[in-house]
Amino acid sequence: AAAAARDAERAEEEAKEARNTPRVADADPAATGAGAGAGGYGGGPEEDIAEPEAGKTGARAAIGAVKALREQAFDSEAKEALATCVKLLDNVLKKPYDARVRSVRLANPNIHARFGRFQGGVACLEAAGFAKAMVDGDPRLQLPPPDSSDEALFRTVLQVRGVLASEAFTLGVEVAEAPPMPEAAAPAAAVPDFNPFAPHVTRVAPMPHGGDETKAGEAPMSETERQVAELKARHAEMIGSEPPPRGTFVRVPVDGVAFDPRRFDKSGGSGGGASGGAGAGAGGAA
């Protein structure tokens, strides 16, 4: 991180020196035509406009790209182009392994209007490591796939971002602080080949784990283990519930006899007292 900060400071100093040097349009107005506008954009011969070095990356390549952009665009156009490029590089630093931010579609109308129509604007991203590629017939600027060299790539992106942000600041663009340099992804652990004849089989790949809802010192549970634990807990809750009181009877009322709770006989059930009394009366009468 310290080396990246020093590189960014060095790139910013080089950008300041480049701004202090006269541009082609300022050094020789006759070469670019009398109608040159703000930022060195005019109707001069094409050979007098500086072109960025192809295939070069880093701070020096970014300085050349900025010079070309300032000579090809008005100040207002250069401000928009630089601000867009800085934002794209910030996205790479914030989400370094997101494939969407590592690819820029040049056929996008917004991208073309902001910086894609300027050779210097495209060169600003090429200086950061982007390369032209065709994806399904669609021209794009892409960063290489993530690998072990990402640390050097991120350092280059940070350097170029510093150059572009410094130039944008001189044009009146409010530039946010640069995101921290991301860490390179750790190389994936080698997975041993599966041997069906081995007497013992160990785990050959990391198991997917659920959330981190585990106690301190315990290994995280997989989704299957979590579901099994929930089922066991529910089963124990059902088994551990209190059974109903013993000696509970359920009596079905006799048809035509209304239930009277005041005459409810626990031993004979509803209507028992009435039937017993009627029987006793009949016996006495006999």
C-alpha atoms as a PDB file:
ATOM      1  CA  ALA A   1       0.000   0.000   0.000  1.00  0.00           C
ATOM      2  CA  ALA A   2       2.878   2.400   0.809  1.00  0.00           C
ATOM      3  CA  ALA A   3       4.539   1.666  -2.530  1.00  0.00           C
ATOM      4  CA  ALA A   4       1.255   2.321  -4.321  1.00  0.00           C
ATOM      5  CA  ALA A   5       0.901   5.661  -2.521  1.00  0.00           C
ATOM      6  CA  ARG A   6       4.431   6.676  -3.514  1.00  0.00           C
ATOM      7  CA  ASP A   7       3.762   5.684  -7.108  1.00  0.00           C
ATOM      8  CA  ALA A   8       0.542   7.719  -7.121  1.00  0.00           C
ATOM      9  CA  GLU A   9       2.362  10.783  -5.745  1.00  0.00           C
ATOM     10  CA  ARG A  10       5.104  10.390  -8.348  1.00  0.00           C
ATOM     11  CA  ALA A  11       2.492  10.111 -11.097  1.00  0.00           C
ATOM     12  CA  GLU A  12       0.750  13.238  -9.860  1.00  0.00           C
ATOM     13  CA  GLU A  13       4.040  15.161  -9.892  1.00  0.00           C
ATOM     14  CA  GLU A  14       4.719  14.025 -13.444  1.00  0.00           C
ATOM     15  CA  ALA A  15       1.229  15.128 -14.430  1.00  0.00           C
ATOM     16  CA  LYS A  16       1.864  18.585 -12.963  1.00  0.00           C
ATOM     17  CA  GLU A  17       5.126  18.847 -14.900  1.00  0.00           C
ATOM     18  CA  ALA A  18       3.319  17.822 -18.061  1.00  0.00           C
ATOM     19  CA  ARG A  19       0.698  20.522 -17.538  1.00  0.00           C
ATOM     20  CA  ASN A  20       3.408  23.155 -17.119  1.00  0.00           C
ATOM     21  CA  THR A  21       5.041  22.230 -20.430  1.00  0.00           C
ATOM     22  CA  PRO A  22       3.547  24.001 -23.466  1.00  0.00           C
ATOM     23  CA  ARG A  23       1.245  21.911 -25.616  1.00  0.00           C
ATOM     24  CA  VAL A  24       1.535  21.702 -29.376  1.00  0.00           C
ATOM     25  CA  ALA A  25      -1.317  24.145 -29.863  1.00  0.00           C
ATOM     26  CA  ASP A  26       0.231  26.663 -27.425  1.00  0.00           C
ATOM     27  CA  ALA A  27       3.804  26.362 -28.683  1.00  0.00           C
ATOM     28  CA  ASP A  28       3.026  26.871 -32.374  1.00  0.00           C
ATOM     29  CA  PRO A  29      -0.386  28.441 -33.028  1.00  0.00           C
ATOM     30  CA  ALA A  30       0.268  28.562 -36.749  1.00  0.00           C
ATOM     31  CA  ALA A  31       0.651  24.796 -36.872  1.00  0.00           C
ATOM     32  CA  THR A  32      -2.834  24.184 -35.504  1.00  0.00           C
ATOM     33  CA  GLY A  33      -4.640  26.961 -37.329  1.00  0.00           C
ATOM     34  CA  ALA A  34      -5.903  30.344 -36.257  1.00  0.00           C
ATOM     35  CA  GLY A  35      -9.289  28.957 -35.213  1.00  0.00           C
ATOM     36  CA  ALA A  36      -8.005  26.799 -32.358  1.00  0.00           C
ATOM     37  CA  GLY A  37     -10.441  26.802 -29.457  1.00  0.00           C
ATOM     38  CA  ALA A  38     -10.168  26.104 -25.767  1.00  0.00           C
ATOM     39  CA  GLY A  39      -8.062  23.109 -24.934  1.00  0.00           C
ATOM     40  CA  GLY A  40      -6.144  23.237 -28.222  1.00  0.00           C
ATOM     41  CA  TYR A  41      -8.999  21.908 -30.363  1.00  0.00           C
ATOM     42  CA  GLY A  42      -8.952  23.457 -33.780  1.00  0.00           C
ATOM     43  CA  GLY A  43      -8.747  22.871 -37.469  1.00  0.00           C
ATOM     44  CA  GLY A  44      -5.006  22.255 -37.694  1.00  0.00           C
ATOM     45  CA  PRO A  45      -3.354  19.451 -39.649  1.00  0.00           C
ATOM     46  CA  GLU A  46      -3.925  16.012 -38.243  1.00  0.00           C
ATOM     47  CA  GLU A  47      -0.209  15.245 -38.071  1.00  0.00           C
ATOM     48  CA  ASP A  48       0.332  18.079 -35.557  1.00  0.00           C
ATOM     49  CA  ILE A  49      -1.990  16.517 -32.970  1.00  0.00           C
ATOM     50  CA  ALA A  50      -0.142  14.380 -30.447  1.00  0.00           C
ATOM     51  CA  GLU A  51      -1.056  10.718 -30.453  1.00  0.00           C
ATOM     52  CA  PRO A  52      -0.721   8.470 -27.390  1.00  0.00           C
ATOM     53  CA  GLU A  53       1.732   5.620 -27.493  1.00  0.00           C
ATOM     54  CA  ALA A  54      -0.014   2.363 -28.263  1.00  0.00           C
ATOM     55  CA  GLY A  55       0.560  -0.602 -25.975  1.00  0.00           C
ATOM     56  CA  LYS A  56       2.052   1.468 -23.150  1.00  0.00           C
ATOM     57  CA  THR A  57       0.662   1.498 -19.628  1.00  0.00           C
ATOM     58  CA  GLY A  58       1.394   3.446 -16.486  1.00  0.00           C
ATOM     59  CA  ALA A  59       1.714   7.082 -15.499  1.00  0.00           C
ATOM     60  CA  ARG A  60       3.787   8.189 -18.511  1.00  0.00           C
ATOM     61  CA  ALA A  61       1.308   6.623 -20.921  1.00  0.00           C
ATOM     62  CA  ALA A  62      -1.515   8.360 -19.053  1.00  0.00           C
ATOM     63  CA  ILE A  63       0.252  11.725 -19.404  1.00  0.00           C
ATOM     64  CA  GLY A  64       0.519  11.193 -23.155  1.00  0.00           C
ATOM     65  CA  ALA A  65      -3.147  10.184 -23.327  1.00  0.00           C
ATOM     66  CA  VAL A  66      -4.186  13.310 -21.421  1.00  0.00           C
ATOM     67  CA  LYS A  67      -2.141  15.501 -23.785  1.00  0.00           C
ATOM     68  CA  ALA A  68      -3.838  13.896 -26.773  1.00  0.00           C
ATOM     69  CA  LEU A  69      -7.274  14.325 -25.206  1.00  0.00           C
ATOM     70  CA  ARG A  70      -6.678  18.012 -24.435  1.00  0.00           C
ATOM     71  CA  GLU A  71      -5.617  18.616 -28.043  1.00  0.00           C
ATOM     72  CA  GLN A  72      -8.589  16.724 -29.499  1.00  0.00           C
ATOM     73  CA  ALA A  73     -11.380  18.091 -27.302  1.00  0.00           C
ATOM     74  CA  PHE A  74     -12.648  21.341 -25.876  1.00  0.00           C
ATOM     75  CA  ASP A  75     -12.194  21.909 -22.161  1.00  0.00           C
ATOM     76  CA  SER A  76     -15.821  21.034 -21.410  1.00  0.00           C
ATOM     77  CA  GLU A  77     -15.493  17.796 -23.374  1.00  0.00           C
ATOM     78  CA  ALA A  78     -12.173  16.956 -21.724  1.00  0.00           C
ATOM     79  CA  LYS A  79     -13.710  17.527 -18.272  1.00  0.00           C
ATOM     80  CA  GLU A  80     -16.512  15.072 -19.015  1.00  0.00           C
ATOM     81  CA  ALA A  81     -14.136  12.509 -20.516  1.00  0.00           C
ATOM     82  CA  LEU A  82     -11.689  12.642 -17.600  1.00  0.00           C
ATOM     83  CA  ALA A  83     -14.456  12.504 -14.985  1.00  0.00           C
ATOM     84  CA  THR A  84     -15.947   9.435 -16.678  1.00  0.00           C
ATOM     85  CA  CYS A  85     -12.598   7.649 -16.905  1.00  0.00           C
ATOM     86  CA  VAL A  86     -11.852   8.383 -13.236  1.00  0.00           C
ATOM     87  CA  LYS A  87     -15.245   6.969 -12.261  1.00  0.00           C
ATOM     88  CA  LEU A  88     -14.634   3.800 -14.287  1.00  0.00           C
ATOM     89  CA  LEU A  89     -11.239   3.293 -12.644  1.00  0.00           C
ATOM     90  CA  ASP A  90     -12.770   3.885  -9.205  1.00  0.00           C
ATOM     91  CA  ASN A  91     -15.273   1.116  -9.933  1.00  0.00           C
ATOM     92  CA  VAL A  92     -12.399  -1.229 -10.737  1.00  0.00           C
ATOM     93  CA  LEU A  93     -10.698  -0.404  -7.433  1.00  0.00           C
ATOM     94  CA  LYS A  94     -13.945  -0.814  -5.470  1.00  0.00           C
ATOM     95  CA  LYS A  95     -15.101  -4.031  -7.179  1.00  0.00           C
ATOM     96  CA  PRO A  96     -11.897  -5.485  -8.629  1.00  0.00           C
ATOM     97  CA  TYR A  97     -13.290  -8.930  -9.419  1.00  0.00           C
ATOM     98  CA  ASP A  98     -16.642  -7.869 -10.865  1.00  0.00           C
ATOM     99  CA  ALA A  99     -16.614  -8.716 -14.565  1.00  0.00           C
ATOM    100  CA  ARG A 100     -19.033  -5.868 -15.305  1.00  0.00           C
ATOM    101  CA  VAL A 101     -16.604  -3.146 -14.207  1.00  0.00           C
ATOM    102  CA  ARG A 102     -13.660  -4.791 -15.969  1.00  0.00           C
ATOM    103  CA  SER A 103     -15.305  -4.350 -19.367  1.00  0.00           C
ATOM    104  CA  VAL A 104     -16.417  -1.146 -21.125  1.00  0.00           C
ATOM    105  CA  ARG A 105     -18.674  -1.323 -24.175  1.00  0.00           C
ATOM    106  CA  LEU A 106     -17.457   1.239 -26.691  1.00  0.00           C
ATOM    107  CA  ALA A 107     -20.684   1.008 -28.719  1.00  0.00           C
ATOM    108  CA  ASN A 108     -22.623   2.355 -25.746  1.00  0.00           C
ATOM    109  CA  PRO A 109     -23.933   5.782 -26.837  1.00  0.00           C
ATOM    110  CA  ASN A 110     -23.131   7.357 -23.461  1.00  0.00           C
ATOM    111  CA  ILE A 111     -19.574   5.992 -23.466  1.00  0.00           C
ATOM    112  CA  HIS A 112     -19.049   7.131 -27.043  1.00  0.00           C
ATOM    113  CA  ALA A 113     -20.357  10.629 -26.314  1.00  0.00           C
ATOM    114  CA  ARG A 114     -18.309  11.070 -23.141  1.00  0.00           C
ATOM    115  CA  PHE A 115     -14.873   9.818 -24.188  1.00  0.00           C
ATOM    116  CA  GLY A 116     -15.098   7.004 -26.758  1.00  0.00           C
ATOM    117  CA  ARG A 117     -15.089   9.386 -29.713  1.00  0.00           C
ATOM    118  CA  PHE A 118     -11.690  10.750 -28.706  1.00  0.00           C
ATOM    119  CA  GLN A 119      -8.567   8.716 -29.293  1.00  0.00           C
ATOM    120  CA  GLY A 120      -7.028  10.314 -26.222  1.00  0.00           C
ATOM    121  CA  GLY A 121     -10.048   9.351 -24.116  1.00  0.00           C
ATOM    122  CA  VAL A 122      -9.768   5.689 -25.078  1.00  0.00           C
ATOM    123  CA  ALA A 123      -6.016   5.854 -24.486  1.00  0.00           C
ATOM    124  CA  CYS A 124      -6.635   7.010 -20.894  1.00  0.00           C
ATOM    125  CA  LEU A 125      -8.166   3.630 -20.079  1.00  0.00           C
ATOM    126  CA  GLU A 126      -5.616   1.765 -22.188  1.00  0.00           C
ATOM    127  CA  ALA A 127      -2.896   3.329 -20.045  1.00  0.00           C
ATOM    128  CA  ALA A 128      -4.559   1.690 -17.023  1.00  0.00           C
ATOM    129  CA  GLY A 129      -4.361  -1.779 -18.577  1.00  0.00           C
ATOM    130  CA  PHE A 130      -7.561  -1.942 -20.623  1.00  0.00           C
ATOM    131  CA  ALA A 131      -7.186  -3.514 -24.057  1.00  0.00           C
ATOM    132  CA  LYS A 132      -9.437  -3.426 -27.099  1.00  0.00           C
ATOM    133  CA  ALA A 133     -11.330  -6.657 -27.780  1.00  0.00           C
ATOM    134  CA  MET A 134     -14.290  -7.873 -29.817  1.00  0.00           C
ATOM    135  CA  VAL A 135     -16.975  -9.711 -27.824  1.00  0.00           C
ATOM    136  CA  ASP A 136     -19.730 -11.157 -30.019  1.00  0.00           C
ATOM    137  CA  GLY A 137     -18.978  -8.526 -32.639  1.00  0.00           C
ATOM    138  CA  ASP A 138     -19.145  -5.740 -30.052  1.00  0.00           C
ATOM    139  CA  PRO A 139     -16.016  -3.568 -29.555  1.00  0.00           C
ATOM    140  CA  ARG A 140     -15.002  -3.312 -25.916  1.00  0.00           C
ATOM    141  CA  LEU A 141     -12.223  -2.204 -23.612  1.00  0.00           C
ATOM    142  CA  GLN A 142     -11.414  -5.028 -21.220  1.00  0.00           C
ATOM    143  CA  LEU A 143      -9.061  -5.728 -18.369  1.00  0.00           C
ATOM    144  CA  PRO A 144      -7.376  -9.141 -18.402  1.00  0.00           C
ATOM    145  CA  PRO A 145      -9.057 -11.884 -16.339  1.00  0.00           C
ATOM    146  CA  PRO A 146      -8.177 -11.949 -12.625  1.00  0.00           C
ATOM    147  CA  ASP A 147      -4.940 -13.789 -11.882  1.00  0.00           C
ATOM    148  CA  SER A 148      -1.848 -13.561  -9.707  1.00  0.00           C
ATOM    149  CA  SER A 149      -0.667 -10.395 -11.505  1.00  0.00           C
ATOM    150  CA  ASP A 150      -3.630  -8.345 -10.317  1.00  0.00           C
ATOM    151  CA  GLU A 151      -1.529  -6.555  -7.714  1.00  0.00           C
ATOM    152  CA  ALA A 152       0.611  -4.952 -10.429  1.00  0.00           C
ATOM    153  CA  LEU A 153      -2.537  -4.187 -12.429  1.00  0.00           C
ATOM    154  CA  PHE A 154      -4.207  -2.454  -9.491  1.00  0.00           C
ATOM    155  CA  ARG A 155      -1.057  -0.412  -8.876  1.00  0.00           C
ATOM    156  CA  THR A 156      -1.125   0.739 -12.505  1.00  0.00           C
ATOM    157  CA  VAL A 157      -4.827   1.598 -12.262  1.00  0.00           C
ATOM    158  CA  LEU A 158      -4.134   3.663  -9.146  1.00  0.00           C
ATOM    159  CA  GLN A 159      -1.264   5.530 -10.839  1.00  0.00           C
ATOM    160  CA  VAL A 160      -3.290   6.335 -13.951  1.00  0.00           C
ATOM    161  CA  ARG A 161      -6.231   7.346 -11.815  1.00  0.00           C
ATOM    162  CA  GLY A 162      -3.995   9.877 -10.046  1.00  0.00           C
ATOM    163  CA  VAL A 163      -2.880  11.416 -13.354  1.00  0.00           C
ATOM    164  CA  LEU A 164      -6.434  11.704 -14.693  1.00  0.00           C
ATOM    165  CA  ALA A 165      -7.815  13.036 -11.406  1.00  0.00           C
ATOM    166  CA  SER A 166      -5.085  15.684 -11.219  1.00  0.00           C
ATOM    167  CA  GLU A 167      -5.835  16.924 -14.732  1.00  0.00           C
ATOM    168  CA  ALA A 168      -9.586  16.877 -14.057  1.00  0.00           C
ATOM    169  CA  PHE A 169      -9.047  18.922 -10.900  1.00  0.00           C
ATOM    170  CA  THR A 170      -7.240  21.635 -12.869  1.00  0.00           C
ATOM    171  CA  LEU A 171     -10.288  21.826 -15.139  1.00  0.00           C
ATOM    172  CA  GLY A 172     -12.601  22.409 -12.183  1.00  0.00           C
ATOM    173  CA  VAL A 173     -13.898  18.873 -11.673  1.00  0.00           C
ATOM    174  CA  GLU A 174     -14.511  17.840  -8.071  1.00  0.00           C
ATOM    175  CA  VAL A 175     -12.729  14.512  -7.715  1.00  0.00           C
ATOM    176  CA  ALA A 176     -13.316  12.263  -4.721  1.00  0.00           C
ATOM    177  CA  GLU A 177     -10.498  10.624  -2.820  1.00  0.00           C
ATOM    178  CA  ALA A 178      -9.072   7.539  -4.484  1.00  0.00           C
ATOM    179  CA  PRO A 179     -10.334   4.191  -3.168  1.00  0.00           C
ATOM    180  CA  PRO A 180      -7.761   2.051  -1.358  1.00  0.00           C
ATOM    181  CA  MET A 181      -5.774  -0.393  -3.390  1.00  0.00           C
ATOM    182  CA  PRO A 182      -7.566  -3.773  -3.321  1.00  0.00           C
ATOM    183  CA  GLU A 183      -5.819  -6.954  -2.337  1.00  0.00           C
ATOM    184  CA  ALA A 184      -5.014  -9.519  -4.973  1.00  0.00           C
ATOM    185  CA  ALA A 185      -7.132 -12.656  -4.804  1.00  0.00           C
ATOM    186  CA  ALA A 186      -5.495 -15.604  -3.082  1.00  0.00           C
ATOM    187  CA  PRO A 187      -4.738 -18.484  -5.446  1.00  0.00           C
ATOM    188  CA  ALA A 188      -7.295 -21.261  -5.281  1.00  0.00           C
ATOM    189  CA  ALA A 189      -6.222 -24.335  -3.362  1.00  0.00           C
ATOM    190  CA  ALA A 190      -5.429 -27.325  -5.509  1.00  0.00           C
ATOM    191  CA  VAL A 191      -8.179 -29.949  -5.381  1.00  0.00           C
ATOM    192  CA  PRO A 192      -6.887 -33.537  -5.463  1.00  0.00           C
ATOM    193  CA  ASP A 193      -8.301 -35.879  -8.054  1.00  0.00           C
ATOM    194  CA  PHE A 194     -11.002 -38.259  -6.898  1.00  0.00           C
ATOM    195  CA  ASN A 195      -9.791 -41.848  -6.566  1.00  0.00           C
ATOM    196  CA  PRO A 196     -12.683 -44.361  -6.517  1.00  0.00           C
ATOM    197  CA  PHE A 197     -10.347 -47.158  -5.359  1.00  0.00           C
ATOM    198  CA  ALA A 198      -9.080 -45.347  -2.277  1.00  0.00           C
ATOM    199  CA  PRO A 199     -10.143 -47.022   1.013  1.00  0.00           C
ATOM    200  CA  HIS A 200     -10.899 -43.641   2.572  1.00  0.00           C
ATOM    201  CA  VAL A 201     -12.259 -40.563   0.850  1.00  0.00           C
ATOM    202  CA  THR A 202     -11.613 -37.166   2.343  1.00  0.00           C
ATOM    203  CA  ARG A 203     -13.294 -33.940   1.393  1.00  0.00           C
ATOM    204  CA  VAL A 204     -11.864 -32.938  -1.986  1.00  0.00           C
ATOM    205  CA  ALA A 205     -13.492 -29.506  -2.183  1.00  0.00           C
ATOM    206  CA  PRO A 206     -14.669 -26.940   0.319  1.00  0.00           C
ATOM    207  CA  MET A 207     -18.280 -27.438   1.297  1.00  0.00           C
ATOM    208  CA  PRO A 208     -20.675 -24.532   0.859  1.00  0.00           C
ATOM    209  CA  HIS A 209     -21.566 -23.086   4.214  1.00  0.00           C
ATOM    210  CA  GLY A 210     -24.610 -21.172   5.238  1.00  0.00           C
ATOM    211  CA  GLY A 211     -24.559 -18.000   7.238  1.00  0.00           C
ATOM    212  CA  ASP A 212     -22.096 -17.258   9.996  1.00  0.00           C
ATOM    213  CA  GLU A 213     -24.711 -17.802  12.730  1.00  0.00           C
ATOM    214  CA  THR A 214     -22.414 -19.974  14.836  1.00  0.00           C
ATOM    215  CA  LYS A 215     -21.069 -19.611  18.316  1.00  0.00           C
ATOM    216  CA  ALA A 216     -17.506 -18.564  18.930  1.00  0.00           C
ATOM    217  CA  GLY A 217     -15.098 -21.466  18.554  1.00  0.00           C
ATOM    218  CA  GLU A 218     -17.557 -23.640  16.587  1.00  0.00           C
ATOM    219  CA  ALA A 219     -17.183 -24.609  12.958  1.00  0.00           C
ATOM    220  CA  PRO A 220     -19.785 -23.118  10.615  1.00  0.00           C
ATOM    221  CA  MET A 221     -22.673 -25.408   9.659  1.00  0.00           C
ATOM    222  CA  SER A 222     -23.689 -26.259   6.142  1.00  0.00           C
ATOM    223  CA  GLU A 223     -27.247 -25.706   4.965  1.00  0.00           C
ATOM    224  CA  THR A 224     -28.060 -29.424   5.258  1.00  0.00           C
ATOM    225  CA  GLU A 225     -26.651 -29.625   8.774  1.00  0.00           C
ATOM    226  CA  ARG A 226     -28.672 -26.595   9.790  1.00  0.00           C
ATOM    227  CA  GLN A 227     -31.926 -28.114   8.475  1.00  0.00           C
ATOM    228  CA  VAL A 228     -31.231 -31.414  10.257  1.00  0.00           C
ATOM    229  CA  ALA A 229     -30.605 -29.559  13.512  1.00  0.00           C
ATOM    230  CA  GLU A 230     -33.900 -27.687  13.149  1.00  0.00           C
ATOM    231  CA  LEU A 231     -35.815 -30.933  12.538  1.00  0.00           C
ATOM    232  CA  LYS A 232     -34.224 -32.563  15.585  1.00  0.00           C
ATOM    233  CA  ALA A 233     -35.152 -29.578  17.732  1.00  0.00           C
ATOM    234  CA  ARG A 234     -38.762 -29.696  16.567  1.00  0.00           C
ATOM    235  CA  HIS A 235     -38.936 -33.442  17.190  1.00  0.00           C
ATOM    236  CA  ALA A 236     -37.573 -33.023  20.718  1.00  0.00           C
ATOM    237  CA  GLU A 237     -40.104 -30.267  21.369  1.00  0.00           C
ATOM    238  CA  MET A 238     -42.969 -32.513  20.289  1.00  0.00           C
ATOM    239  CA  ILE A 239     -41.773 -35.472  22.376  1.00  0.00           C
ATOM    240  CA  GLY A 240     -41.095 -33.325  25.413  1.00  0.00           C
ATOM    241  CA  SER A 241     -44.597 -31.799  25.530  1.00  0.00           C
ATOM    242  CA  GLU A 242     -46.829 -32.868  28.469  1.00  0.00           C
ATOM    243  CA  PRO A 243     -49.343 -35.662  27.729  1.00  0.00           C
ATOM    244  CA  PRO A 244     -53.050 -35.071  28.508  1.00  0.00           C
ATOM    245  CA  PRO A 245     -54.316 -36.008  32.034  1.00  0.00           C
ATOM    246  CA  ARG A 246     -55.030 -39.700  32.515  1.00  0.00           C
ATOM    247  CA  GLY A 247     -58.655 -40.903  32.957  1.00  0.00           C
ATOM    248  CA  THR A 248     -60.067 -38.419  30.493  1.00  0.00           C
ATOM    249  CA  PHE A 249     -63.379 -39.598  29.002  1.00  0.00           C
ATOM    250  CA  VAL A 250     -65.294 -38.251  26.088  1.00  0.00           C
ATOM    251  CA  ARG A 251     -69.044 -38.937  26.191  1.00  0.00           C
ATOM    252  CA  VAL A 252     -71.351 -38.612  23.224  1.00  0.00           C
ATOM    253  CA  PRO A 253     -74.740 -37.096  24.234  1.00  0.00           C
ATOM    254  CA  VAL A 254     -77.811 -39.343  23.847  1.00  0.00           C
ATOM    255  CA  ASP A 255     -80.221 -38.293  21.151  1.00  0.00           C
ATOM    256  CA  GLY A 256     -83.104 -36.270  22.536  1.00  0.00           C
ATOM    257  CA  VAL A 257     -81.469 -35.673  25.918  1.00  0.00           C
ATOM    258  CA  ALA A 258     -80.078 -32.219  26.460  1.00  0.00           C
ATOM    259  CA  PHE A 259     -76.743 -31.910  28.207  1.00  0.00           C
ATOM    260  CA  ASP A 260     -77.047 -30.475  31.714  1.00  0.00           C
ATOM    261  CA  PRO A 261     -73.681 -29.644  33.281  1.00  0.00           C
ATOM    262  CA  ARG A 262     -75.263 -29.487  36.746  1.00  0.00           C
ATOM    263  CA  ARG A 263     -76.270 -33.153  36.499  1.00  0.00           C
ATOM    264  CA  PHE A 264     -73.006 -34.324  34.961  1.00  0.00           C
ATOM    265  CA  ASP A 265     -71.871 -37.587  36.567  1.00  0.00           C
ATOM    266  CA  LYS A 266     -68.174 -38.288  36.230  1.00  0.00           C
ATOM    267  CA  SER A 267     -68.712 -42.023  36.626  1.00  0.00           C
ATOM    268  CA  GLY A 268     -71.779 -42.353  34.419  1.00  0.00           C
ATOM    269  CA  GLY A 269     -71.422 -39.354  32.167  1.00  0.00           C
ATOM    270  CA  SER A 270     -74.064 -36.916  31.065  1.00  0.00           C
ATOM    271  CA  GLY A 271     -77.613 -38.028  31.828  1.00  0.00           C
ATOM    272  CA  GLY A 272     -76.413 -40.754  34.180  1.00  0.00           C
ATOM    273  CA  GLY A 273     -78.076 -39.218  37.194  1.00  0.00           C
ATOM    274  CA  ALA A 274     -81.389 -38.850  35.422  1.00  0.00           C
ATOM    275  CA  SER A 275     -81.423 -42.402  34.133  1.00  0.00           C
ATOM    276  CA  GLY A 276     -80.364 -43.746  37.516  1.00  0.00           C
ATOM    277  CA  GLY A 277     -83.074 -41.800  39.299  1.00  0.00           C
ATOM    278  CA  ALA A 278     -85.697 -42.967  36.848  1.00  0.00           C
ATOM    279  CA  GLY A 279     -84.637 -46.574  37.313  1.00  0.00           C
ATOM    280  CA  ALA A 280     -84.745 -46.319  41.078  1.00  0.00           C
ATOM    281  CA  GLY A 281     -88.228 -44.809  40.961  1.00  0.00           C
ATOM    282  CA  ALA A 282     -89.456 -47.584  38.728  1.00  0.00           C
ATOM    283  CA  GLY A 283     -88.083 -50.223  41.095  1.00  0.00           C
ATOM    284  CA  GLY A 284     -89.722 -48.638  44.113  1.00  0.00           C
ATOM    285  CA  ALA A 285     -93.045 -48.465  42.342  1.00  0.00           C
ATOM    286  CA  ALA A 286     -92.824 -52.123  41.458  1.00  0.00           C
END
